[in-house]
Amino acid sequence: MPNTPVPITEPIGYYLSGYTDGEGSFCVSFSPRSKLTIKLEVRPSFSVSQNGDRQEILLLFQQYFGCGTIRKNPNDRTFKYEVRSIKNLVEKVIPFFCKYPLLSSKKNDFAVFVKICNMIYEGKHLQREFLKEIVEFSYQMNGLGARRYHKKELLAVLR
């Protein structure tokens, strides 16, 4: 892996956006939490994965955004760059993809992701009726992606 940082230039922004179109994910996950007043935790994230022998691209994402973590996936040889902080998602990641738009149908997932992140940033996820909306919106994203909980299960937690 090169130790010299890549200069952050305009073409790099377009490159990272295109790379995300192929290898990135905008995700909103949920976990029932009995200790929370509303009983459901919501966690938005942006991530990009890559094989270990090419993880310099993940370092480039981290350098560009100035946030996020890189971790090894214990199930295979890949590494993942991930941003989970709502502040960093709203203030860094979302503006980046507004400036350097996605070109694939992933842009539809991104539009829903933006809506959800803004609701969370405004604290609306702490109100049952808005959290129900967030659950509904999240199931419009990522088509056939694997999910730990069915939408009905999550909505039942919120009753």
N, C-alpha and C. Protein backbone atom coordinates (compact mmCIF):
# COMPACT_ATOMS: atom_id res chain seq x y z
N MET A 1 0.83 -1.17 0.00
CA MET A 1 0.00 0.00 0.00
C MET A 1 0.88 1.24 0.00
N PRO A 2 0.54 2.23 -0.87
CA PRO A 2 1.38 3.42 -0.88
C PRO A 2 1.18 4.24 0.38
N ASN A 3 2.28 4.83 0.87
CA ASN A 3 2.22 5.67 2.05
C ASN A 3 1.99 7.13 1.69
N THR A 4 2.19 7.48 0.43
CA THR A 4 2.02 8.85 -0.01
C THR A 4 0.55 9.12 -0.27
N PRO A 5 -0.05 10.11 0.38
CA PRO A 5 -1.46 10.39 0.13
C PRO A 5 -1.68 10.86 -1.31
N VAL A 6 -2.80 10.45 -1.88
CA VAL A 6 -3.18 10.90 -3.21
C VAL A 6 -3.73 12.32 -3.08
N PRO A 7 -3.28 13.23 -3.95
CA PRO A 7 -3.82 14.60 -3.87
C PRO A 7 -5.33 14.58 -4.12
N ILE A 8 -6.05 15.32 -3.30
CA ILE A 8 -7.50 15.36 -3.44
C ILE A 8 -7.84 16.43 -4.46
N THR A 9 -8.22 15.98 -5.65
CA THR A 9 -8.55 16.88 -6.74
C THR A 9 -9.96 16.60 -7.23
N GLU A 10 -10.47 17.47 -8.07
CA GLU A 10 -11.81 17.31 -8.63
C GLU A 10 -12.01 15.94 -9.29
N PRO A 11 -11.06 15.46 -10.13
CA PRO A 11 -11.27 14.14 -10.74
C PRO A 11 -11.39 13.01 -9.72
N ILE A 12 -10.73 13.14 -8.57
CA ILE A 12 -10.83 12.10 -7.54
C ILE A 12 -12.27 12.01 -7.03
N GLY A 13 -12.94 13.14 -6.90
CA GLY A 13 -14.35 13.14 -6.48
C GLY A 13 -15.21 12.33 -7.42
N TYR A 14 -15.03 12.54 -8.72
CA TYR A 14 -15.80 11.77 -9.70
C TYR A 14 -15.42 10.29 -9.66
N TYR A 15 -14.15 10.02 -9.45
CA TYR A 15 -13.69 8.64 -9.35
C TYR A 15 -14.36 7.93 -8.16
N LEU A 16 -14.36 8.59 -7.00
CA LEU A 16 -14.94 7.98 -5.80
C LEU A 16 -16.44 7.76 -5.97
N SER A 17 -17.10 8.70 -6.63
CA SER A 17 -18.54 8.54 -6.88
C SER A 17 -18.79 7.34 -7.78
N GLY A 18 -18.02 7.24 -8.86
CA GLY A 18 -18.16 6.10 -9.76
C GLY A 18 -17.84 4.78 -9.08
N TYR A 19 -16.83 4.80 -8.24
CA TYR A 19 -16.46 3.60 -7.49
C TYR A 19 -17.61 3.19 -6.57
N THR A 20 -18.22 4.17 -5.94
CA THR A 20 -19.36 3.89 -5.05
C THR A 20 -20.52 3.30 -5.84
N ASP A 21 -20.73 3.79 -7.06
CA ASP A 21 -21.81 3.24 -7.89
C ASP A 21 -21.67 1.73 -8.04
N GLY A 22 -20.42 1.25 -8.11
CA GLY A 22 -20.20 -0.18 -8.29
C GLY A 22 -20.03 -0.96 -7.00
N GLU A 23 -19.34 -0.38 -6.02
CA GLU A 23 -18.94 -1.13 -4.83
C GLU A 23 -19.45 -0.57 -3.51
N GLY A 24 -20.26 0.48 -3.56
CA GLY A 24 -20.71 1.13 -2.33
C GLY A 24 -22.11 0.76 -1.93
N SER A 25 -22.47 1.16 -0.73
CA SER A 25 -23.80 0.88 -0.21
C SER A 25 -24.25 1.97 0.75
N PHE A 26 -25.49 2.37 0.59
CA PHE A 26 -26.16 3.26 1.54
C PHE A 26 -27.17 2.37 2.24
N CYS A 27 -27.05 2.27 3.55
CA CYS A 27 -27.82 1.27 4.29
C CYS A 27 -28.44 1.91 5.54
N VAL A 28 -29.61 1.42 5.91
CA VAL A 28 -30.23 1.80 7.17
C VAL A 28 -30.63 0.50 7.86
N SER A 29 -30.02 0.24 9.01
CA SER A 29 -30.33 -0.99 9.74
C SER A 29 -31.02 -0.65 11.05
N PHE A 30 -31.66 -1.66 11.60
CA PHE A 30 -32.44 -1.49 12.82
C PHE A 30 -32.13 -2.62 13.79
N SER A 31 -32.24 -2.30 15.08
CA SER A 31 -32.11 -3.31 16.12
C SER A 31 -33.11 -3.01 17.23
N PRO A 32 -33.94 -4.00 17.58
CA PRO A 32 -34.80 -3.80 18.75
C PRO A 32 -33.93 -3.64 20.00
N ARG A 33 -34.24 -2.66 20.82
CA ARG A 33 -33.50 -2.37 22.05
C ARG A 33 -34.50 -2.06 23.16
N SER A 34 -34.67 -3.02 24.06
CA SER A 34 -35.66 -2.86 25.13
C SER A 34 -35.33 -1.70 26.06
N LYS A 35 -34.07 -1.32 26.17
CA LYS A 35 -33.69 -0.23 27.07
C LYS A 35 -34.00 1.16 26.51
N LEU A 36 -34.25 1.24 25.20
CA LEU A 36 -34.59 2.53 24.60
C LEU A 36 -36.06 2.83 24.81
N THR A 37 -36.39 4.08 25.01
CA THR A 37 -37.78 4.48 25.19
C THR A 37 -38.64 4.06 24.01
N ILE A 38 -38.12 4.26 22.82
CA ILE A 38 -38.87 3.96 21.60
C ILE A 38 -38.71 2.50 21.17
N LYS A 39 -37.79 1.77 21.81
CA LYS A 39 -37.59 0.32 21.64
C LYS A 39 -36.93 -0.11 20.33
N LEU A 40 -36.51 0.85 19.51
CA LEU A 40 -35.89 0.49 18.24
C LEU A 40 -34.76 1.45 17.91
N GLU A 41 -33.58 0.88 17.68
CA GLU A 41 -32.42 1.69 17.30
C GLU A 41 -32.32 1.70 15.78
N VAL A 42 -32.05 2.87 15.22
CA VAL A 42 -31.87 3.01 13.77
C VAL A 42 -30.44 3.47 13.51
N ARG A 43 -29.78 2.80 12.52
CA ARG A 43 -28.37 3.09 12.24
C ARG A 43 -28.13 3.22 10.74
N PRO A 44 -28.04 4.45 10.25
CA PRO A 44 -27.68 4.62 8.84
C PRO A 44 -26.17 4.49 8.66
N SER A 45 -25.76 4.04 7.48
CA SER A 45 -24.32 3.95 7.21
C SER A 45 -24.06 4.02 5.70
N PHE A 46 -22.88 4.50 5.39
CA PHE A 46 -22.36 4.47 4.03
C PHE A 46 -21.12 3.60 4.07
N SER A 47 -20.99 2.67 3.13
CA SER A 47 -19.81 1.81 3.13
C SER A 47 -19.38 1.46 1.72
N VAL A 48 -18.10 1.11 1.62
CA VAL A 48 -17.49 0.64 0.38
C VAL A 48 -16.59 -0.53 0.76
N SER A 49 -16.65 -1.60 0.00
CA SER A 49 -15.83 -2.79 0.28
C SER A 49 -14.81 -3.02 -0.83
N GLN A 50 -13.72 -3.70 -0.44
CA GLN A 50 -12.68 -4.01 -1.41
C GLN A 50 -11.83 -5.15 -0.86
N ASN A 51 -11.24 -5.92 -1.76
CA ASN A 51 -10.32 -6.98 -1.34
C ASN A 51 -9.12 -6.36 -0.62
N GLY A 52 -8.54 -7.12 0.28
CA GLY A 52 -7.43 -6.64 1.08
C GLY A 52 -6.24 -6.16 0.29
N ASP A 53 -5.99 -6.78 -0.86
CA ASP A 53 -4.82 -6.38 -1.65
C ASP A 53 -5.03 -5.08 -2.42
N ARG A 54 -6.24 -4.53 -2.33
CA ARG A 54 -6.52 -3.26 -3.01
C ARG A 54 -7.18 -2.25 -2.07
N GLN A 55 -6.89 -2.37 -0.81
CA GLN A 55 -7.59 -1.51 0.14
C GLN A 55 -7.12 -0.06 0.14
N GLU A 56 -6.13 0.29 -0.70
CA GLU A 56 -5.71 1.69 -0.76
C GLU A 56 -6.85 2.60 -1.18
N ILE A 57 -7.80 2.06 -1.95
CA ILE A 57 -8.96 2.87 -2.34
C ILE A 57 -9.79 3.23 -1.11
N LEU A 58 -9.85 2.33 -0.13
CA LEU A 58 -10.58 2.61 1.10
C LEU A 58 -9.90 3.72 1.88
N LEU A 59 -8.58 3.70 1.87
CA LEU A 59 -7.82 4.78 2.52
C LEU A 59 -8.07 6.12 1.82
N LEU A 60 -8.25 6.06 0.52
CA LEU A 60 -8.54 7.28 -0.23
C LEU A 60 -9.90 7.85 0.18
N PHE A 61 -10.90 6.98 0.33
CA PHE A 61 -12.22 7.43 0.82
C PHE A 61 -12.07 8.07 2.20
N GLN A 62 -11.34 7.40 3.08
CA GLN A 62 -11.16 7.90 4.44
C GLN A 62 -10.43 9.25 4.43
N GLN A 63 -9.42 9.36 3.60
CA GLN A 63 -8.68 10.62 3.49
C GLN A 63 -9.57 11.72 2.94
N TYR A 64 -10.34 11.41 1.93
CA TYR A 64 -11.18 12.41 1.29
C TYR A 64 -12.24 12.94 2.26
N PHE A 65 -12.93 12.02 2.94
CA PHE A 65 -14.01 12.42 3.85
C PHE A 65 -13.49 12.89 5.21
N GLY A 66 -12.30 12.47 5.59
CA GLY A 66 -11.77 12.85 6.88
C GLY A 66 -12.52 12.23 8.04
N CYS A 67 -13.12 11.08 7.82
CA CYS A 67 -13.88 10.39 8.86
C CYS A 67 -14.07 8.93 8.44
N GLY A 68 -14.70 8.17 9.29
CA GLY A 68 -15.02 6.78 8.98
C GLY A 68 -13.92 5.83 9.44
N THR A 69 -14.25 4.56 9.37
CA THR A 69 -13.32 3.51 9.81
C THR A 69 -13.15 2.47 8.71
N ILE A 70 -12.04 1.77 8.77
CA ILE A 70 -11.78 0.65 7.87
C ILE A 70 -11.62 -0.58 8.74
N ARG A 71 -12.32 -1.62 8.39
CA ARG A 71 -12.24 -2.85 9.17
C ARG A 71 -12.26 -4.06 8.25
N LYS A 72 -11.70 -5.14 8.75
CA LYS A 72 -11.67 -6.40 7.99
C LYS A 72 -12.99 -7.12 8.20
N ASN A 73 -13.51 -7.67 7.13
CA ASN A 73 -14.70 -8.51 7.21
C ASN A 73 -14.25 -9.90 7.64
N PRO A 74 -14.72 -10.40 8.78
CA PRO A 74 -14.24 -11.70 9.26
C PRO A 74 -14.70 -12.88 8.40
N ASN A 75 -15.67 -12.66 7.52
CA ASN A 75 -16.22 -13.76 6.72
C ASN A 75 -15.47 -14.00 5.41
N ASP A 76 -14.70 -13.03 4.96
CA ASP A 76 -13.96 -13.21 3.71
C ASP A 76 -12.69 -12.36 3.74
N ARG A 77 -12.08 -12.15 2.59
CA ARG A 77 -10.83 -11.41 2.54
C ARG A 77 -11.03 -9.93 2.28
N THR A 78 -12.23 -9.44 2.40
CA THR A 78 -12.49 -8.04 2.08
C THR A 78 -12.33 -7.13 3.29
N PHE A 79 -12.16 -5.86 2.98
CA PHE A 79 -12.13 -4.80 3.98
C PHE A 79 -13.26 -3.83 3.64
N LYS A 80 -13.72 -3.13 4.66
CA LYS A 80 -14.83 -2.21 4.46
C LYS A 80 -14.50 -0.86 5.07
N TYR A 81 -14.72 0.18 4.27
CA TYR A 81 -14.67 1.55 4.77
C TYR A 81 -16.11 1.91 5.09
N GLU A 82 -16.35 2.47 6.30
CA GLU A 82 -17.72 2.75 6.71
C GLU A 82 -17.80 4.06 7.49
N VAL A 83 -18.86 4.81 7.20
CA VAL A 83 -19.19 6.02 7.95
C VAL A 83 -20.55 5.78 8.59
N ARG A 84 -20.60 5.88 9.92
CA ARG A 84 -21.86 5.65 10.65
C ARG A 84 -22.32 6.87 11.43
N SER A 85 -21.46 7.83 11.66
CA SER A 85 -21.83 9.04 12.40
C SER A 85 -22.85 9.84 11.60
N ILE A 86 -24.00 10.12 12.20
CA ILE A 86 -25.03 10.88 11.49
C ILE A 86 -24.51 12.26 11.12
N LYS A 87 -23.72 12.86 11.99
CA LYS A 87 -23.14 14.18 11.70
C LYS A 87 -22.26 14.12 10.46
N ASN A 88 -21.39 13.12 10.38
CA ASN A 88 -20.51 12.98 9.21
C ASN A 88 -21.29 12.60 7.96
N LEU A 89 -22.32 11.79 8.11
CA LEU A 89 -23.15 11.44 6.96
C LEU A 89 -23.82 12.69 6.38
N VAL A 90 -24.41 13.50 7.26
CA VAL A 90 -25.15 14.69 6.80
C VAL A 90 -24.22 15.82 6.35
N GLU A 91 -23.11 15.98 7.03
CA GLU A 91 -22.25 17.13 6.74
C GLU A 91 -21.13 16.84 5.73
N LYS A 92 -20.80 15.56 5.51
CA LYS A 92 -19.69 15.24 4.61
C LYS A 92 -20.11 14.32 3.46
N VAL A 93 -20.69 13.18 3.78
CA VAL A 93 -20.99 12.17 2.76
C VAL A 93 -22.10 12.64 1.83
N ILE A 94 -23.22 13.08 2.38
CA ILE A 94 -24.35 13.49 1.54
C ILE A 94 -23.99 14.67 0.64
N PRO A 95 -23.37 15.73 1.16
CA PRO A 95 -22.98 16.83 0.25
C PRO A 95 -22.03 16.38 -0.86
N PHE A 96 -21.15 15.42 -0.55
CA PHE A 96 -20.23 14.91 -1.57
C PHE A 96 -21.01 14.30 -2.73
N PHE A 97 -21.98 13.43 -2.42
CA PHE A 97 -22.73 12.77 -3.49
C PHE A 97 -23.75 13.69 -4.16
N CYS A 98 -24.04 14.81 -3.54
CA CYS A 98 -24.84 15.84 -4.22
C CYS A 98 -23.95 16.56 -5.25
N LYS A 99 -22.70 16.78 -4.89
CA LYS A 99 -21.75 17.43 -5.79
C LYS A 99 -21.29 16.49 -6.91
N TYR A 100 -21.09 15.22 -6.57
CA TYR A 100 -20.63 14.21 -7.52
C TYR A 100 -21.69 13.10 -7.59
N PRO A 101 -22.77 13.33 -8.34
CA PRO A 101 -23.91 12.40 -8.30
C PRO A 101 -23.61 11.01 -8.85
N LEU A 102 -24.29 10.06 -8.26
CA LEU A 102 -24.24 8.68 -8.74
C LEU A 102 -24.96 8.62 -10.09
N LEU A 103 -24.58 7.68 -10.93
CA LEU A 103 -25.19 7.58 -12.26
C LEU A 103 -26.08 6.35 -12.41
N SER A 104 -25.90 5.35 -11.56
CA SER A 104 -26.70 4.13 -11.65
C SER A 104 -28.01 4.31 -10.88
N SER A 105 -28.81 3.25 -10.88
CA SER A 105 -30.07 3.28 -10.12
C SER A 105 -29.81 3.40 -8.62
N LYS A 106 -28.56 3.26 -8.20
CA LYS A 106 -28.21 3.44 -6.79
C LYS A 106 -28.55 4.86 -6.33
N LYS A 107 -28.68 5.79 -7.28
CA LYS A 107 -29.04 7.17 -6.93
C LYS A 107 -30.42 7.22 -6.27
N ASN A 108 -31.30 6.26 -6.59
CA ASN A 108 -32.62 6.20 -5.95
C ASN A 108 -32.49 5.82 -4.48
N ASP A 109 -31.62 4.85 -4.18
CA ASP A 109 -31.35 4.48 -2.79
C ASP A 109 -30.76 5.67 -2.04
N PHE A 110 -29.86 6.38 -2.71
CA PHE A 110 -29.24 7.54 -2.09
C PHE A 110 -30.29 8.60 -1.74
N ALA A 111 -31.24 8.85 -2.61
CA ALA A 111 -32.28 9.86 -2.35
C ALA A 111 -33.09 9.49 -1.10
N VAL A 112 -33.42 8.23 -0.95
CA VAL A 112 -34.15 7.77 0.25
C VAL A 112 -33.24 7.88 1.47
N PHE A 113 -31.98 7.51 1.32
CA PHE A 113 -31.00 7.60 2.40
C PHE A 113 -30.89 9.03 2.90
N VAL A 114 -30.85 9.99 2.00
CA VAL A 114 -30.78 11.41 2.37
C VAL A 114 -31.99 11.80 3.22
N LYS A 115 -33.16 11.39 2.78
CA LYS A 115 -34.39 11.70 3.51
C LYS A 115 -34.33 11.14 4.93
N ILE A 116 -33.90 9.89 5.06
CA ILE A 116 -33.82 9.23 6.36
C ILE A 116 -32.77 9.91 7.24
N CYS A 117 -31.60 10.16 6.69
CA CYS A 117 -30.53 10.79 7.48
C CYS A 117 -30.96 12.17 7.98
N ASN A 118 -31.63 12.93 7.14
CA ASN A 118 -32.10 14.25 7.57
C ASN A 118 -33.12 14.13 8.70
N MET A 119 -33.99 13.15 8.62
CA MET A 119 -34.97 12.93 9.70
C MET A 119 -34.26 12.59 11.01
N ILE A 120 -33.25 11.73 10.92
CA ILE A 120 -32.50 11.35 12.12
C ILE A 120 -31.72 12.55 12.66
N TYR A 121 -31.09 13.29 11.78
CA TYR A 121 -30.32 14.48 12.18
C TYR A 121 -31.20 15.49 12.92
N GLU A 122 -32.47 15.55 12.52
CA GLU A 122 -33.43 16.46 13.16
C GLU A 122 -34.05 15.85 14.42
N GLY A 123 -33.67 14.62 14.75
CA GLY A 123 -34.17 13.97 15.96
C GLY A 123 -35.54 13.33 15.81
N LYS A 124 -36.04 13.25 14.60
CA LYS A 124 -37.38 12.69 14.38
C LYS A 124 -37.45 11.19 14.65
N HIS A 125 -36.31 10.51 14.62
CA HIS A 125 -36.30 9.07 14.87
C HIS A 125 -36.67 8.75 16.32
N LEU A 126 -36.74 9.77 17.16
CA LEU A 126 -37.10 9.58 18.57
C LEU A 126 -38.60 9.67 18.80
N GLN A 127 -39.34 9.90 17.72
CA GLN A 127 -40.79 9.97 17.79
C GLN A 127 -41.37 8.79 17.00
N ARG A 128 -42.24 8.05 17.64
CA ARG A 128 -42.75 6.80 17.09
C ARG A 128 -43.30 6.94 15.66
N GLU A 129 -44.10 7.97 15.40
CA GLU A 129 -44.71 8.09 14.08
C GLU A 129 -43.66 8.33 12.99
N PHE A 130 -42.62 9.10 13.32
CA PHE A 130 -41.56 9.35 12.34
C PHE A 130 -40.66 8.12 12.18
N LEU A 131 -40.44 7.40 13.25
CA LEU A 131 -39.62 6.19 13.15
C LEU A 131 -40.33 5.15 12.27
N LYS A 132 -41.65 5.10 12.34
CA LYS A 132 -42.40 4.21 11.45
C LYS A 132 -42.16 4.61 9.99
N GLU A 133 -42.16 5.91 9.73
CA GLU A 133 -41.88 6.39 8.37
C GLU A 133 -40.47 5.99 7.94
N ILE A 134 -39.51 6.12 8.84
CA ILE A 134 -38.13 5.76 8.53
C ILE A 134 -38.04 4.27 8.17
N VAL A 135 -38.74 3.44 8.93
CA VAL A 135 -38.76 2.00 8.62
C VAL A 135 -39.34 1.78 7.23
N GLU A 136 -40.47 2.42 6.94
CA GLU A 136 -41.11 2.28 5.62
C GLU A 136 -40.17 2.74 4.52
N PHE A 137 -39.56 3.90 4.69
CA PHE A 137 -38.64 4.42 3.68
C PHE A 137 -37.47 3.47 3.46
N SER A 138 -36.92 2.94 4.55
CA SER A 138 -35.72 2.10 4.44
C SER A 138 -35.98 0.84 3.62
N TYR A 139 -37.20 0.35 3.64
CA TYR A 139 -37.52 -0.86 2.88
C TYR A 139 -37.76 -0.56 1.40
N GLN A 140 -37.63 0.71 1.01
CA GLN A 140 -37.65 1.08 -0.41
C GLN A 140 -36.24 1.01 -0.99
N MET A 141 -35.25 0.83 -0.12
CA MET A 141 -33.85 0.84 -0.53
C MET A 141 -33.31 -0.57 -0.73
N ASN A 142 -32.29 -0.68 -1.56
CA ASN A 142 -31.45 -1.88 -1.70
C ASN A 142 -32.21 -3.14 -2.11
N GLY A 143 -33.30 -2.98 -2.81
CA GLY A 143 -34.00 -4.09 -3.43
C GLY A 143 -34.03 -5.38 -2.65
N LEU A 144 -33.26 -6.33 -3.12
CA LEU A 144 -33.26 -7.67 -2.52
C LEU A 144 -32.16 -7.87 -1.49
N GLY A 145 -31.61 -6.78 -0.98
CA GLY A 145 -30.53 -6.88 0.00
C GLY A 145 -30.94 -7.68 1.23
N ALA A 146 -29.98 -8.32 1.85
CA ALA A 146 -30.25 -9.13 3.05
C ALA A 146 -30.62 -8.22 4.22
N ARG A 147 -31.62 -8.64 4.96
CA ARG A 147 -32.06 -7.89 6.13
C ARG A 147 -32.24 -8.85 7.30
N ARG A 148 -31.87 -8.38 8.47
CA ARG A 148 -31.99 -9.21 9.66
C ARG A 148 -33.45 -9.32 10.12
N TYR A 149 -34.21 -8.23 9.96
CA TYR A 149 -35.60 -8.19 10.42
C TYR A 149 -36.54 -7.86 9.27
N HIS A 150 -37.69 -8.49 9.28
CA HIS A 150 -38.74 -8.14 8.31
C HIS A 150 -39.39 -6.83 8.76
N LYS A 151 -39.89 -6.09 7.80
CA LYS A 151 -40.53 -4.81 8.10
C LYS A 151 -41.65 -4.97 9.12
N LYS A 152 -42.44 -6.03 8.99
CA LYS A 152 -43.55 -6.27 9.93
C LYS A 152 -43.05 -6.42 11.36
N GLU A 153 -41.91 -7.09 11.53
CA GLU A 153 -41.34 -7.26 12.87
C GLU A 153 -40.96 -5.91 13.48
N LEU A 154 -40.34 -5.06 12.67
CA LEU A 154 -39.92 -3.75 13.17
C LEU A 154 -41.11 -2.87 13.50
N LEU A 155 -42.11 -2.89 12.65
CA LEU A 155 -43.30 -2.07 12.91
C LEU A 155 -44.05 -2.60 14.15
N ALA A 156 -44.01 -3.90 14.38
CA ALA A 156 -44.65 -4.47 15.57
C ALA A 156 -43.97 -3.98 16.85
N VAL A 157 -42.66 -3.80 16.80
CA VAL A 157 -41.92 -3.27 17.96
C VAL A 157 -42.41 -1.85 18.28
N LEU A 158 -42.83 -1.13 17.26
CA LEU A 158 -43.23 0.28 17.45
C LEU A 158 -44.68 0.46 17.84
N ARG A 159 -45.43 -0.63 17.95
CA ARG A 159 -46.85 -0.52 18.33
C ARG A 159 -47.00 -0.21 19.80
